[in-house]
Every structure is written in C-alpha cells, then in structure tokens.
C-alpha cells in the first residue's frame, strides 16, 4: 500500500493517541513509526502488533533482562556474533560467523529457552548501543547492520533438527518484537547449500526485511567493495576488507570477533533421563492429540510457573491467553517442540492481564507414539508491597 508523507503523518498522530496507554521502552516517533512501517501503515494491525509485543516484554521480563539475567557461559564464549563498530550512518555493525559456528555444540550446552533468551539479550544490548550512538552523534540511530559469514557452512550443520527449529523460532520472535531494526544485511561466502537454508527462512521474513538482504558468493572483491560502500575501512577487520587489526596484527580481530570455535564437551548439559519430582502428576497424551490446561487468572501480574518432562520423545509446548469475552488467542510462549525427554523443562511468565491462560501440550505431529508427561503448573498471585 502506497501512503503519502502527509497521510503517514496523520496516521502516526492517530497511532500515538491509540497507544498512549502503552508503557513503551521508547516513546520517540522514530521508534513508534517502526510498527506502522512493519504493517504497511495499517493502523489496526500495527496497534495489534505493538500491544502484543508490549505484553510479550512484560510477560518475559525483557525490560530487566540486561540487569537481572546472566547468560550461560557457553553462549557468551561461543555464540558467533560480535559487534565490531559502526557503519557510515552510525548504526552498529555485527559480524556473525555463521558458517563455522559449532551449532551442535552450542545447542547441546544450553536449553532452547536459554538460547532464545540470549538472542533477546543480544537484541536489547544492540538497542542500548543504538541509543548511545544517537546521544553521541545527535542523530537518530534506530537500525543496525549485519555481516553474516557463511564460510564453512555444511549440510551436516543444517540437517541438525534442533538448530533448524530454534532458528525459525528466533526469526518469529525477532519479526514480532523488533520490527524495522535492520539497515542492511550482507550474507557473504554463501555456498550452494545456503539456497536450501534461505528457502526455509524466507516465508517467515517480512518483505521489507528481505529487501535489505544482499547475498554474495565467495568473490571477496565483490563483497568487500559492497561492505566498504556502507562501512568505513577503520570499522572493518582486514579479513573483511577493512583496516582494523588486533594489537598483535591479527587480521580477523579475534579478540573482538568470535569466528566460530568448537564448544568443549565440558560445557554440554547432562541430559541423562530426568526423574519426576514428588509434587508432579502425569497424564498420557495419545498420538496425534493435544491437551490443554486452563487457568483463570484474576489478578494482573500473577506469575504462571511450569515444569514438565516426558518419559519418551519430545513434546510441543505453548502458552497463550484469551479474555472470556474475546475469541482471539494471544501467544505468550509460541508453540515449539522441546526435548523434554532429555531434560526437565522449566519456565515462568508474568500474566500481564486478567484472562484465561492456557498451557498446551502438543503431540499432534506424532503419528505413532503416545507420550507420558509429568508436570506441575501453578499460578502465584503478585506479591504485596510490604510498605502497604
């Protein structure tokens, strides 16, 4: 939909009035207009998207994540994304050594929940840096640039099912909660197998995101010229066509850029068979079916907590809510298959509003196996201020 600048201005004014009750992390026009752009200035759809994200942030305590959550060491040391500088528009530039990363090792060292939470942690870190750049330069900095290096990518990596599943879930979270945050994405050293990878990802990306992605093969001259058009040489390692080196002359700037080291097995989680706790109960979920547990939450900011395990095989898990007078279901934890037969699954969310909260177990993808699920789900009322 083509919208004139004058019309966009009027829509933005109406949008700001409509969301005035939302407690946004940033109330600037630059931030607010992102949600309109992401929904082609459809006022109703943009408001729905923003409100869902605000609730997602509150439910998952995203505003406190940088101060109150300590990422697993395996992710801090081996997740292959590093901020190296800024582009010519003062947007942060990150290098992702995607192809040489030990994705199997990473995902055997942390839970899927922690992995996805770490991506949120990194997104919030980048957002803080963008705001800092805005203050330092006096210019609006709301976007970021990525260099995704596919050198070393193999079909063996891409065929690892947990990696494919968590990757798609990460894309959904990013598209839903960090719209219009990309200025440019350069995918370099892309082998033939990348076509397979990209075909899986494209359906989950908004067209506006796809328009910002440039894909290059192994022609160094081609992609280095493209990078230098957008990024000054002193903000790029020599390895990527710039002039930046470590103090010891390392052209890859290994002290700043994680180039994809193998994760030592000492970081691997102990995934021996879990044992049900005394306060758990169980049910059998037959093949091809789902089971839902509903909780009527009457006090806003109550906490819904869960822990569960399966005796054999993974299980789909989802948490959503709906108001009694509304039909629409709103995901708080999107449906994902969890390896609950390998480790106990634990989590919690803040129930941001009174509603019916639903915990769903999903075995609909299994044509042959029933699952025995041990679980415990409780709702804690919000704590009272002792000073009251």
Protein backbone atom coordinates (compact mmCIF):
# COMPACT_ATOMS: atom_id res chain seq x y z
CA UNK A 1 0.00 0.00 0.00
CA UNK A 2 1.40 3.39 -1.06
CA UNK A 3 0.86 6.06 1.60
CA UNK A 4 1.77 9.73 1.09
CA UNK A 5 4.02 11.52 3.58
CA UNK A 6 1.11 13.75 4.66
CA UNK A 7 -1.14 10.75 5.24
CA UNK A 8 1.63 8.97 7.13
CA UNK A 9 1.95 11.92 9.45
CA UNK A 10 -1.76 11.86 10.22
CA UNK A 11 -1.69 8.07 10.78
CA UNK A 12 1.26 8.46 13.14
CA UNK A 13 -0.63 11.05 15.20
CA UNK A 14 -3.67 8.76 15.45
CA UNK A 15 -1.44 5.79 16.26
CA UNK A 16 0.25 7.65 19.12
CA UNK A 17 -3.14 8.56 20.57
CA UNK A 18 -4.33 4.96 20.31
CA UNK A 19 -1.28 3.55 22.14
CA UNK A 20 -0.91 6.30 24.70
CA UNK A 21 -1.66 3.82 27.48
CA UNK A 22 1.23 1.53 26.48
CA UNK A 23 4.37 1.71 28.60
CA UNK A 24 6.91 1.77 25.76
CA UNK A 25 10.65 1.41 26.16
CA UNK A 26 11.00 4.31 23.74
CA UNK A 27 8.30 6.91 23.06
CA UNK A 28 10.13 8.64 20.20
CA UNK A 29 8.50 8.96 16.79
CA UNK A 30 11.41 7.02 15.26
CA UNK A 31 10.60 4.02 17.43
CA UNK A 32 6.82 4.21 17.16
CA UNK A 33 6.75 4.55 13.38
CA UNK A 34 8.60 1.21 13.04
CA UNK A 35 5.41 -0.62 13.97
CA UNK A 36 3.43 1.24 11.32
CA UNK A 37 6.03 0.54 8.65
CA UNK A 38 6.04 -3.15 9.60
CA UNK A 39 2.30 -3.30 8.89
CA UNK A 40 2.25 -1.01 5.84
CA UNK A 41 0.60 1.77 7.86
CA UNK A 42 -2.44 -0.36 8.64
CA UNK A 43 -3.43 1.33 11.90
CA UNK A 44 -5.34 -1.60 13.41
CA UNK A 45 -2.73 -4.22 12.52
CA UNK A 46 0.15 -2.06 13.76
CA UNK A 47 -1.60 -1.46 17.08
CA UNK A 48 -2.31 -5.16 17.50
CA UNK A 49 1.35 -5.98 16.76
CA UNK A 50 2.68 -3.37 19.18
CA UNK A 51 0.34 -4.32 22.03
CA UNK A 52 1.25 -7.98 21.66
CA UNK A 53 4.92 -7.09 21.84
CA UNK A 54 4.42 -4.91 24.92
CA UNK A 55 2.72 -7.84 26.63
CA UNK A 56 5.47 -10.21 25.45
CA UNK A 57 8.08 -7.92 27.01
CA UNK A 58 6.23 -7.73 30.30
CA UNK A 59 5.44 -11.45 30.43
CA UNK A 60 9.07 -12.40 29.79
CA UNK A 61 10.60 -9.57 31.85
CA UNK A 62 12.53 -8.29 28.84
CA UNK A 63 12.96 -4.78 30.25
CA UNK A 64 15.04 -6.21 33.10
CA UNK A 65 16.98 -8.77 31.09
CA UNK A 66 20.28 -6.85 30.86
CA UNK A 67 20.40 -6.18 34.59
CA UNK A 68 18.82 -9.29 36.06
CA UNK A 69 19.69 -12.20 33.76
CA UNK A 70 23.12 -13.77 33.49
CA UNK A 71 23.59 -15.61 30.16
CA UNK A 72 25.09 -19.11 30.17
CA UNK A 73 28.87 -19.04 29.76
CA UNK A 74 28.71 -21.31 26.71
CA UNK A 75 26.69 -18.69 24.83
CA UNK A 76 28.83 -15.77 25.91
CA UNK A 77 32.00 -17.56 24.78
CA UNK A 78 30.84 -19.42 21.68
CA UNK A 79 27.77 -17.75 20.18
CA UNK A 80 29.28 -16.38 16.94
CA UNK A 81 28.00 -12.79 16.92
CA UNK A 82 30.20 -9.81 17.74
CA UNK A 83 29.72 -6.04 17.45
CA UNK A 84 32.78 -4.59 15.73
CA UNK A 85 31.94 -0.93 15.06
CA UNK A 86 29.51 1.32 13.23
CA UNK A 87 28.55 1.83 9.60
CA UNK A 88 28.60 5.20 7.84
CA UNK A 89 25.21 6.03 9.35
CA UNK A 90 26.41 5.31 12.93
CA UNK A 91 24.42 2.08 13.03
CA UNK A 92 26.11 -0.77 14.96
CA UNK A 93 27.78 -3.40 12.76
CA UNK A 94 27.79 -7.03 13.88
CA UNK A 95 29.73 -9.91 12.36
CA UNK A 96 28.06 -13.33 12.56
CA UNK A 97 30.48 -16.18 11.79
CA UNK A 98 27.53 -18.39 10.96
CA UNK A 99 29.21 -20.99 8.76
CA UNK A 100 31.97 -22.03 11.15
CA UNK A 101 29.95 -21.93 14.35
CA UNK A 102 29.57 -25.12 16.34
CA UNK A 103 25.77 -25.07 16.39
CA UNK A 104 25.51 -28.64 17.61
CA UNK A 105 27.87 -27.92 20.47
CA UNK A 106 26.05 -24.71 21.40
CA UNK A 107 22.63 -26.36 21.45
CA UNK A 108 23.94 -29.29 23.46
CA UNK A 109 25.28 -26.83 26.04
CA UNK A 110 22.15 -24.77 26.73
CA UNK A 111 18.41 -25.25 26.79
CA UNK A 112 16.29 -23.94 23.93
CA UNK A 113 14.72 -21.47 26.38
CA UNK A 114 18.11 -20.02 27.33
CA UNK A 115 19.22 -19.92 23.70
CA UNK A 116 16.19 -17.87 22.65
CA UNK A 117 16.50 -15.67 25.72
CA UNK A 118 20.11 -14.96 24.81
CA UNK A 119 19.06 -13.71 21.38
CA UNK A 120 16.66 -11.34 23.13
CA UNK A 121 19.52 -10.32 25.42
CA UNK A 122 21.69 -9.51 22.39
CA UNK A 123 18.85 -7.59 20.71
CA UNK A 124 18.44 -5.47 23.85
CA UNK A 125 22.21 -4.93 24.03
CA UNK A 126 22.21 -3.65 20.46
CA UNK A 127 19.26 -1.40 21.20
CA UNK A 128 21.12 0.20 24.11
CA UNK A 129 24.10 0.77 21.80
CA UNK A 130 21.87 2.42 19.18
CA UNK A 131 20.50 4.81 21.78
CA UNK A 132 24.03 5.59 22.94
CA UNK A 133 25.11 6.33 19.35
CA UNK A 134 22.11 8.64 19.00
CA UNK A 135 23.19 10.63 22.05
CA UNK A 136 26.83 10.78 20.95
CA UNK A 137 26.12 11.88 17.37
CA UNK A 138 22.95 13.88 17.81
CA UNK A 139 21.44 11.80 15.01
CA UNK A 140 18.63 9.28 15.13
CA UNK A 141 20.12 5.77 15.17
CA UNK A 142 17.44 3.08 15.15
CA UNK A 143 18.89 0.47 12.78
CA UNK A 144 21.79 -1.99 12.66
CA UNK A 145 23.89 -3.70 10.02
CA UNK A 146 24.88 -7.37 9.93
CA UNK A 147 27.65 -9.20 8.09
CA UNK A 148 26.75 -12.89 8.08
CA UNK A 149 29.72 -15.01 7.01
CA UNK A 150 28.63 -18.39 5.65
CA UNK A 151 32.16 -19.69 5.05
CA UNK A 152 32.31 -23.28 6.33
CA UNK A 153 28.57 -23.90 6.17
CA UNK A 154 27.75 -27.57 5.61
CA UNK A 155 24.65 -29.66 5.09
CA UNK A 156 25.57 -31.54 8.27
CA UNK A 157 25.04 -28.34 10.25
CA UNK A 158 21.79 -27.52 8.51
CA UNK A 159 20.42 -31.03 8.89
CA UNK A 160 20.64 -30.76 12.67
CA UNK A 161 16.95 -30.65 13.56
CA UNK A 162 17.16 -28.70 16.87
CA UNK A 163 19.12 -25.96 15.10
CA UNK A 164 16.56 -25.60 12.31
CA UNK A 165 13.68 -25.48 14.78
CA UNK A 166 15.21 -22.94 17.14
CA UNK A 167 16.36 -20.81 14.20
CA UNK A 168 12.82 -20.47 12.86
CA UNK A 169 11.50 -19.69 16.32
CA UNK A 170 14.16 -16.97 16.71
CA UNK A 171 13.10 -15.39 13.42
CA UNK A 172 9.46 -15.32 14.51
CA UNK A 173 10.38 -13.62 17.80
CA UNK A 174 12.55 -11.05 16.03
CA UNK A 175 9.97 -10.20 13.38
CA UNK A 176 7.22 -9.85 16.01
CA UNK A 177 9.14 -7.75 18.53
CA UNK A 178 11.99 -5.93 16.78
CA UNK A 179 10.43 -4.65 13.54
CA UNK A 180 12.34 -2.46 11.10
CA UNK A 181 15.58 -2.79 13.07
CA UNK A 182 17.80 -3.69 10.11
CA UNK A 183 19.53 -1.23 7.82
CA UNK A 184 21.48 -3.75 5.77
CA UNK A 185 22.29 -7.47 5.93
CA UNK A 186 25.27 -8.74 3.94
CA UNK A 187 25.41 -12.51 3.56
CA UNK A 188 28.86 -13.40 2.25
CA UNK A 189 30.68 -16.59 1.24
CA UNK A 190 27.33 -18.29 0.66
CA UNK A 191 27.77 -21.87 -0.64
CA UNK A 192 25.20 -23.79 -2.67
CA UNK A 193 23.71 -25.30 0.47
CA UNK A 194 22.68 -21.77 1.50
CA UNK A 195 19.89 -21.90 -1.09
CA UNK A 196 18.33 -24.68 0.97
CA UNK A 197 18.72 -22.69 4.19
CA UNK A 198 17.30 -19.49 2.76
CA UNK A 199 14.29 -21.27 1.25
CA UNK A 200 13.27 -22.35 4.77
CA UNK A 201 13.74 -18.88 6.22
CA UNK A 202 12.16 -16.66 3.55
CA UNK A 203 8.49 -17.47 4.31
CA UNK A 204 8.96 -16.15 7.85
CA UNK A 205 10.51 -12.83 6.82
CA UNK A 206 8.58 -9.68 6.02
CA UNK A 207 9.19 -8.36 2.51
CA UNK A 208 10.70 -5.18 3.99
CA UNK A 209 13.32 -7.36 5.66
CA UNK A 210 14.04 -9.34 2.50
CA UNK A 211 14.60 -6.10 0.59
CA UNK A 212 17.52 -5.25 2.90
CA UNK A 213 19.39 -8.55 2.38
CA UNK A 214 22.22 -8.88 -0.15
CA UNK A 215 23.71 -12.32 -0.82
CA UNK A 216 27.24 -12.82 -2.15
CA UNK A 217 29.25 -15.90 -3.03
CA UNK A 218 32.99 -16.37 -2.47
CA UNK A 219 34.14 -13.47 -4.64
CA UNK A 220 35.99 -11.45 -1.99
CA UNK A 221 36.42 -8.43 -4.24
CA UNK A 222 32.69 -8.28 -4.88
CA UNK A 223 31.50 -8.40 -1.29
CA UNK A 224 34.34 -6.32 0.19
CA UNK A 225 33.52 -3.48 -2.23
CA UNK A 226 29.87 -3.71 -1.18
CA UNK A 227 30.81 -3.62 2.51
CA UNK A 228 33.11 -0.61 2.11
CA UNK A 229 30.34 1.37 0.42
CA UNK A 230 28.42 1.15 3.69
CA UNK A 231 31.15 0.80 6.34
CA UNK A 232 34.37 2.80 6.73
CA UNK A 233 37.55 0.74 6.47
CA UNK A 234 38.63 1.50 10.06
CA UNK A 235 35.39 -0.11 11.29
CA UNK A 236 36.07 -3.39 9.48
CA UNK A 237 38.66 -6.12 10.18
CA UNK A 238 41.25 -6.59 7.43
CA UNK A 239 39.76 -10.06 6.92
CA UNK A 240 36.56 -8.38 5.69
CA UNK A 241 38.25 -5.77 3.54
CA UNK A 242 38.91 -3.05 6.13
CA UNK A 243 41.98 -1.84 8.00
CA UNK A 244 41.16 -2.96 11.55
CA UNK A 245 43.52 -5.42 13.28
CA UNK A 246 44.15 -6.61 16.81
CA UNK A 247 47.12 -5.18 18.68
CA UNK A 248 49.11 -8.22 17.53
CA UNK A 249 48.21 -7.63 13.89
CA UNK A 250 45.51 -10.32 13.70
CA UNK A 251 43.53 -9.57 10.53
CA UNK A 252 40.42 -11.32 11.89
CA UNK A 253 40.42 -9.28 15.12
CA UNK A 254 39.93 -12.46 17.10
CA UNK A 255 39.87 -10.55 20.38
CA UNK A 256 36.69 -8.82 19.16
CA UNK A 257 35.14 -11.32 16.76
CA UNK A 258 34.18 -14.88 17.68
CA UNK A 259 34.97 -16.72 14.45
CA UNK A 260 33.22 -19.96 15.37
CA UNK A 261 35.21 -22.09 17.79
CA UNK A 262 34.25 -25.62 18.74
CA UNK A 263 32.43 -25.84 22.06
CA UNK A 264 34.30 -28.12 24.51
CA UNK A 265 32.21 -31.08 25.63
CA UNK A 266 32.75 -29.96 29.23
CA UNK A 267 30.01 -27.38 28.57
CA UNK A 268 27.49 -29.99 27.42
CA UNK A 269 24.42 -30.36 29.57
CA UNK A 270 23.90 -33.56 31.49
CA UNK A 271 20.96 -34.93 29.57
CA UNK A 272 20.52 -38.20 31.37
CA UNK A 273 16.96 -39.34 31.88
CA UNK A 274 15.08 -36.93 34.16
CA UNK A 275 13.28 -38.16 37.25
CA UNK A 276 9.79 -36.86 38.12
CA UNK A 277 9.58 -34.76 41.27
CA UNK A 278 7.37 -35.77 44.17
CA UNK A 279 4.87 -32.95 43.57
CA UNK A 280 4.36 -33.80 39.89
CA UNK A 281 1.49 -35.69 38.37
CA UNK A 282 1.23 -37.30 34.95
CA UNK A 283 -1.07 -37.97 32.02
CA UNK A 284 -0.79 -39.90 28.78
CA UNK A 285 -1.03 -37.82 25.62
CA UNK A 286 -2.03 -40.11 22.79
CA UNK A 287 -0.56 -39.79 19.31
CA UNK A 288 -1.92 -37.01 17.13
CA UNK A 289 -3.59 -35.12 20.00
CA UNK A 290 -3.23 -32.05 22.21
CA UNK A 291 -4.11 -31.42 25.86
CA UNK A 292 -4.87 -28.04 27.38
CA UNK A 293 -4.89 -26.85 30.98
CA UNK A 294 -6.77 -23.61 31.60
CA UNK A 295 -6.12 -21.22 34.49
CA UNK A 296 -8.39 -18.30 35.23
CA UNK A 297 -6.07 -15.52 36.36
CA UNK A 298 -7.99 -12.79 38.18
CA UNK A 299 -5.08 -10.63 39.36
CA UNK A 300 -2.83 -8.88 36.85
CA UNK A 301 0.91 -9.55 37.29
CA UNK A 302 0.36 -13.01 38.73
CA UNK A 303 3.09 -15.47 37.75
CA UNK A 304 2.36 -18.67 35.85
CA UNK A 305 5.08 -21.27 36.51
CA UNK A 306 5.60 -24.67 34.98
CA UNK A 307 7.91 -27.64 34.94
CA UNK A 308 7.45 -30.84 32.98
CA UNK A 309 9.20 -33.81 31.44
CA UNK A 310 8.32 -36.67 29.13
CA UNK A 311 9.47 -40.24 29.52
CA UNK A 312 9.98 -40.82 25.80
CA UNK A 313 10.29 -38.33 22.97
CA UNK A 314 9.94 -34.56 22.68
CA UNK A 315 6.67 -32.68 23.03
CA UNK A 316 5.17 -29.45 21.69
CA UNK A 317 4.55 -26.76 24.29
CA UNK A 318 2.66 -23.48 24.10
CA UNK A 319 1.24 -20.87 26.48
CA UNK A 320 -1.44 -18.41 25.38
CA UNK A 321 -4.33 -16.46 26.84
CA UNK A 322 -7.75 -15.20 25.85
CA UNK A 323 -10.27 -12.96 27.56
CA UNK A 324 -13.60 -14.54 28.41
CA UNK A 325 -15.45 -12.02 26.22
CA UNK A 326 -12.97 -12.29 23.33
CA UNK A 327 -12.24 -15.07 20.84
CA UNK A 328 -8.68 -14.10 19.89
CA UNK A 329 -5.86 -16.17 21.35
CA UNK A 330 -2.61 -14.36 22.14
CA UNK A 331 0.61 -16.37 22.35
CA UNK A 332 2.91 -15.67 25.29
CA UNK A 333 5.13 -18.68 24.63
CA UNK A 334 4.89 -19.72 20.99
CA UNK A 335 4.43 -23.40 20.20
CA UNK A 336 7.77 -25.22 19.97
CA UNK A 337 8.91 -28.80 20.27
CA UNK A 338 11.05 -29.23 23.37
CA UNK A 339 13.38 -32.10 24.17
CA UNK A 340 11.61 -32.76 27.44
CA UNK A 341 12.69 -36.40 27.38
CA UNK A 342 16.32 -35.26 27.76
CA UNK A 343 15.95 -32.60 30.42
CA UNK A 344 13.38 -31.12 32.77
CA UNK A 345 11.67 -28.10 31.19
CA UNK A 346 11.06 -25.14 33.49
CA UNK A 347 9.78 -21.64 32.93
CA UNK A 348 7.50 -18.85 34.02
CA UNK A 349 5.73 -15.80 32.63
CA UNK A 350 4.08 -12.76 34.14
CA UNK A 351 0.34 -12.74 33.47
CA UNK A 352 0.02 -9.11 32.41
CA UNK A 353 -3.77 -9.03 32.47
CA UNK A 354 -6.66 -10.98 33.97
CA UNK A 355 -7.65 -13.62 31.43
CA UNK A 356 -7.82 -17.36 30.81
CA UNK A 357 -4.25 -18.63 30.45
CA UNK A 358 -3.82 -21.92 28.63
CA UNK A 359 -0.88 -24.31 28.92
CA UNK A 360 -0.94 -26.65 25.94
CA UNK A 361 0.95 -29.88 25.31
CA UNK A 362 1.02 -30.93 21.66
CA UNK A 363 1.60 -34.42 20.31
CA UNK A 364 -0.29 -33.84 17.06
CA UNK A 365 2.88 -34.28 14.97
CA UNK A 366 3.43 -37.82 16.24
CA UNK A 367 1.68 -40.47 14.17
CA UNK A 368 2.94 -43.46 16.15
CA UNK A 369 3.89 -42.62 19.75
CA UNK A 370 1.91 -41.65 22.80
CA UNK A 371 3.78 -39.60 25.45
CA UNK A 372 3.74 -39.88 29.21
CA UNK A 373 4.07 -36.35 30.58
CA UNK A 374 4.92 -35.49 34.17
CA UNK A 375 4.06 -31.90 35.02
CA UNK A 376 3.40 -29.24 37.62
CA UNK A 377 1.79 -25.89 36.78
CA UNK A 378 0.91 -23.24 39.37
CA UNK A 379 -0.21 -19.62 39.46
CA UNK A 380 1.35 -17.37 42.12
CA UNK A 381 -0.51 -14.18 42.99
CA UNK A 382 1.50 -10.93 42.75
CA UNK A 383 3.44 -10.19 45.90
CA UNK A 384 2.16 -7.32 48.02
CA UNK A 385 4.37 -4.34 48.79
CA UNK A 386 5.35 -4.76 52.44
CA UNK A 387 5.18 -1.00 52.91
CA UNK A 388 1.41 -1.00 52.23
